[in-house]
Amino acid sequence: MPLGIESHIVNMVVSADLGHPLSLEAVAKLPGTCYRPTVFPGLTYAFAIRRSFKRCRAKVLLFSSGKMIYAGAKSVPEARHVVSEVVKRLKEAGIVVLNEPKVEVQNIVVTASLNRNLDLSKATTALEGAVYEPSHFPALRYKIHGSNIAYVIFANGKLNCVGAKSATEASQAIDKLLLILREKGLTT
């Protein structure tokens, strides 16, 4: 938990790779698929799945290379569960899957609150590279030089942190942002 600031993973994008090509024409026969190769080179597979004791819909993109992308997970175990469910359903449909794909986190979106208001106009001048255009978007966008992490910071102190590949990395990024805000005199 970053410097006493509570944060929550709200979205996780993961990729997985079967390690061999996949016939999307064969997968398209499964219920819940949408395959229009002239519009998009992948196939969308939507299905119901249990998540935290309730049924939810999972949507996974599958590509002929055997790669897949799942967005919407709240944890790595949940993402692995969804990918395993896809593999199970492919096998049940008679589609050859040689091995269980390894799940890799590509991006985590974390929300947090600084529990204090911020003067975004002042922050724009104090933070190098910060962008704040209130007539277009009500939050400040900021990226620390040399980092893959980006922040969206609202005047009420709420923020989104995107680009991390682990919860620890996201937590450390929020800590770093808070230290920078303190150094610049933008928060206590």
Protein backbone atom coordinates (compact mmCIF):
# COMPACT_ATOMS: atom_id res chain seq x y z
CA MET A 1 0.00 0.00 0.00
CA PRO A 2 1.57 3.29 -1.04
CA LEU A 3 2.57 5.59 1.88
CA GLY A 4 -0.75 5.06 3.62
CA ILE A 5 -2.75 5.69 0.46
CA GLU A 6 -5.27 3.01 -0.38
CA SER A 7 -5.17 1.84 -3.98
CA HIS A 8 -7.23 -0.65 -5.96
CA ILE A 9 -6.62 -2.55 -9.18
CA VAL A 10 -9.58 -1.75 -11.43
CA ASN A 11 -8.39 -3.34 -14.64
CA MET A 12 -5.66 -5.61 -15.82
CA VAL A 13 -4.73 -6.42 -19.40
CA VAL A 14 -2.99 -9.75 -19.88
CA SER A 15 -1.72 -11.68 -22.85
CA ALA A 16 -1.26 -15.40 -23.28
CA ASP A 17 0.23 -17.49 -26.06
CA LEU A 18 -0.77 -21.02 -27.04
CA GLY A 19 2.61 -21.41 -28.75
CA HIS A 20 1.11 -22.53 -32.05
CA PRO A 21 -1.27 -21.21 -34.73
CA LEU A 22 -5.02 -21.35 -34.14
CA SER A 23 -7.76 -21.79 -36.72
CA LEU A 24 -10.07 -18.87 -36.05
CA GLU A 25 -12.59 -20.37 -38.48
CA ALA A 26 -12.85 -23.40 -36.16
CA VAL A 27 -13.08 -21.22 -33.03
CA ALA A 28 -15.78 -19.08 -34.69
CA LYS A 29 -18.15 -22.05 -34.44
CA LEU A 30 -18.24 -21.67 -30.65
CA PRO A 31 -21.21 -19.77 -29.20
CA GLY A 32 -20.31 -16.23 -28.13
CA THR A 33 -17.73 -15.60 -30.81
CA CYS A 34 -17.59 -12.74 -33.28
CA TYR A 35 -15.25 -13.16 -36.22
CA ARG A 36 -15.16 -10.68 -39.09
CA PRO A 37 -11.70 -10.99 -40.65
CA THR A 38 -12.33 -8.19 -43.15
CA VAL A 39 -12.93 -5.80 -40.24
CA PHE A 40 -10.51 -7.08 -37.57
CA PRO A 41 -7.82 -9.78 -37.77
CA GLY A 42 -8.81 -11.36 -34.46
CA LEU A 43 -11.81 -13.09 -33.00
CA THR A 44 -13.76 -11.90 -29.97
CA TYR A 45 -14.91 -14.63 -27.63
CA ALA A 46 -17.42 -13.63 -24.94
CA PHE A 47 -18.71 -16.09 -22.36
CA ALA A 48 -20.13 -16.22 -18.87
CA ILE A 49 -17.77 -17.08 -16.04
CA ARG A 50 -17.87 -17.05 -12.26
CA ARG A 51 -15.95 -14.17 -10.68
CA SER A 52 -16.08 -13.56 -6.94
CA PHE A 53 -19.21 -15.67 -6.46
CA LYS A 54 -21.14 -14.02 -9.28
CA ARG A 55 -21.46 -14.70 -12.96
CA CYS A 56 -19.74 -12.19 -15.19
CA ARG A 57 -18.99 -11.95 -18.87
CA ALA A 58 -15.41 -12.36 -19.99
CA LYS A 59 -14.27 -11.13 -23.40
CA VAL A 60 -11.08 -12.49 -24.87
CA LEU A 61 -9.43 -11.59 -28.17
CA LEU A 62 -7.93 -14.57 -30.01
CA PHE A 63 -5.56 -14.33 -32.95
CA SER A 64 -4.52 -16.88 -35.58
CA SER A 65 -0.97 -16.75 -34.18
CA GLY A 66 -2.30 -18.44 -31.03
CA LYS A 67 -2.00 -15.30 -28.95
CA MET A 68 -4.85 -14.02 -26.82
CA ILE A 69 -5.60 -10.84 -24.89
CA TYR A 70 -7.92 -10.47 -21.93
CA ALA A 71 -8.81 -7.10 -20.41
CA GLY A 72 -10.94 -6.69 -17.33
CA ALA A 73 -9.25 -8.88 -14.74
CA LYS A 74 -8.85 -7.60 -11.20
CA SER A 75 -6.03 -10.03 -10.33
CA VAL A 76 -3.52 -12.39 -11.94
CA PRO A 77 -5.30 -15.50 -10.58
CA GLU A 78 -8.55 -14.29 -12.15
CA ALA A 79 -6.79 -13.70 -15.48
CA ARG A 80 -5.26 -17.21 -15.34
CA HIS A 81 -8.71 -18.63 -14.58
CA VAL A 82 -10.23 -16.93 -17.64
CA VAL A 83 -7.38 -18.06 -19.93
CA SER A 84 -7.71 -21.64 -18.58
CA GLU A 85 -11.44 -21.51 -19.25
CA VAL A 86 -10.78 -20.48 -22.87
CA VAL A 87 -8.33 -23.38 -23.28
CA LYS A 88 -10.83 -25.81 -21.72
CA ARG A 89 -13.60 -24.65 -24.08
CA LEU A 90 -11.32 -24.87 -27.12
CA LYS A 91 -10.37 -28.45 -26.21
CA GLU A 92 -14.03 -29.37 -25.62
CA ALA A 93 -14.77 -28.11 -29.14
CA GLY A 94 -12.09 -30.42 -30.55
CA ILE A 95 -9.56 -27.67 -31.21
CA VAL A 96 -6.00 -28.82 -30.54
CA VAL A 97 -4.24 -26.97 -27.74
CA LEU A 98 -0.78 -28.37 -27.09
CA ASN A 99 0.05 -26.66 -23.81
CA GLU A 100 -1.32 -24.34 -21.15
CA PRO A 101 -0.41 -20.78 -22.13
CA LYS A 102 1.66 -18.60 -19.83
CA VAL A 103 -0.21 -15.47 -18.73
CA GLU A 104 1.73 -12.20 -18.85
CA VAL A 105 0.50 -8.91 -17.42
CA GLN A 106 0.76 -6.13 -19.99
CA ASN A 107 -0.86 -3.27 -18.08
CA ILE A 108 -2.51 -2.60 -14.74
CA VAL A 109 -4.86 0.30 -14.05
CA VAL A 110 -4.92 1.34 -10.40
CA THR A 111 -7.06 3.97 -8.71
CA ALA A 112 -6.09 5.78 -5.54
CA SER A 113 -6.99 8.89 -3.59
CA LEU A 114 -4.61 11.39 -2.04
CA ASN A 115 -7.48 12.37 0.31
CA ARG A 116 -6.92 16.05 -0.39
CA ASN A 117 -7.71 18.52 -3.14
CA LEU A 118 -5.01 19.65 -5.55
CA ASP A 119 -4.60 22.89 -7.46
CA LEU A 120 -4.14 21.42 -10.93
CA SER A 121 -3.15 24.74 -12.52
CA LYS A 122 -0.32 25.10 -9.99
CA ALA A 123 0.63 21.44 -10.49
CA THR A 124 0.86 21.96 -14.25
CA THR A 125 3.58 24.56 -13.77
CA ALA A 126 5.39 22.62 -11.05
CA LEU A 127 5.46 19.23 -12.78
CA GLU A 128 7.60 19.05 -15.90
CA GLY A 129 5.64 17.61 -18.81
CA ALA A 130 2.26 17.75 -17.05
CA VAL A 131 -0.73 18.56 -19.26
CA TYR A 132 -3.89 20.16 -17.94
CA GLU A 133 -6.51 21.44 -20.36
CA PRO A 134 -9.70 21.77 -18.28
CA SER A 135 -11.78 22.77 -21.30
CA HIS A 136 -10.98 19.37 -22.88
CA PHE A 137 -10.48 17.03 -19.91
CA PRO A 138 -11.03 17.72 -16.19
CA ALA A 139 -7.81 16.08 -15.01
CA LEU A 140 -4.08 16.60 -15.20
CA ARG A 141 -2.10 14.05 -17.21
CA TYR A 142 1.42 13.41 -16.02
CA LYS A 143 4.24 11.04 -16.82
CA ILE A 144 7.51 10.99 -14.92
CA HIS A 145 10.42 11.34 -17.35
CA GLY A 146 11.97 7.94 -18.13
CA SER A 147 9.05 5.96 -16.74
CA ASN A 148 6.38 3.83 -18.43
CA ILE A 149 3.85 4.85 -15.79
CA ALA A 150 1.31 7.58 -16.54
CA TYR A 151 -1.03 9.32 -14.11
CA VAL A 152 -4.38 11.01 -14.47
CA ILE A 153 -4.90 13.29 -11.46
CA PHE A 154 -8.18 14.98 -10.59
CA ALA A 155 -8.62 18.16 -8.52
CA ASN A 156 -10.31 16.18 -5.73
CA GLY A 157 -7.08 14.16 -5.27
CA LYS A 158 -8.32 11.00 -6.96
CA LEU A 159 -5.95 9.51 -9.48
CA ASN A 160 -5.48 6.70 -11.96
CA CYS A 161 -2.11 5.09 -12.50
CA VAL A 162 -1.59 3.15 -15.74
CA GLY A 163 1.30 1.29 -17.32
CA ALA A 164 2.53 -0.85 -14.43
CA LYS A 165 2.99 -4.58 -14.95
CA SER A 166 2.55 -5.58 -11.30
CA ALA A 167 0.68 -4.37 -8.23
CA THR A 168 4.04 -3.70 -6.56
CA GLU A 169 5.22 -1.56 -9.47
CA ALA A 170 1.94 0.41 -9.39
CA SER A 171 2.24 0.90 -5.62
CA GLN A 172 5.83 2.13 -5.97
CA ALA A 173 4.77 4.49 -8.78
CA ILE A 174 2.07 6.04 -6.58
CA ASP A 175 4.63 6.41 -3.74
CA LYS A 176 6.98 8.15 -6.18
CA LEU A 177 4.22 10.49 -7.37
CA LEU A 178 3.29 11.40 -3.80
CA LEU A 179 6.93 12.18 -2.97
CA ILE A 180 7.19 14.42 -6.05
CA LEU A 181 3.97 16.22 -5.13
CA ARG A 182 5.33 16.80 -1.59
CA GLU A 183 8.72 18.00 -2.90
CA LYS A 184 6.95 20.50 -5.18
CA GLY A 185 4.79 21.74 -2.29
CA LEU A 186 1.61 20.55 -3.96
CA THR A 187 0.51 18.37 -1.05
CA THR A 188 1.51 17.66 2.54
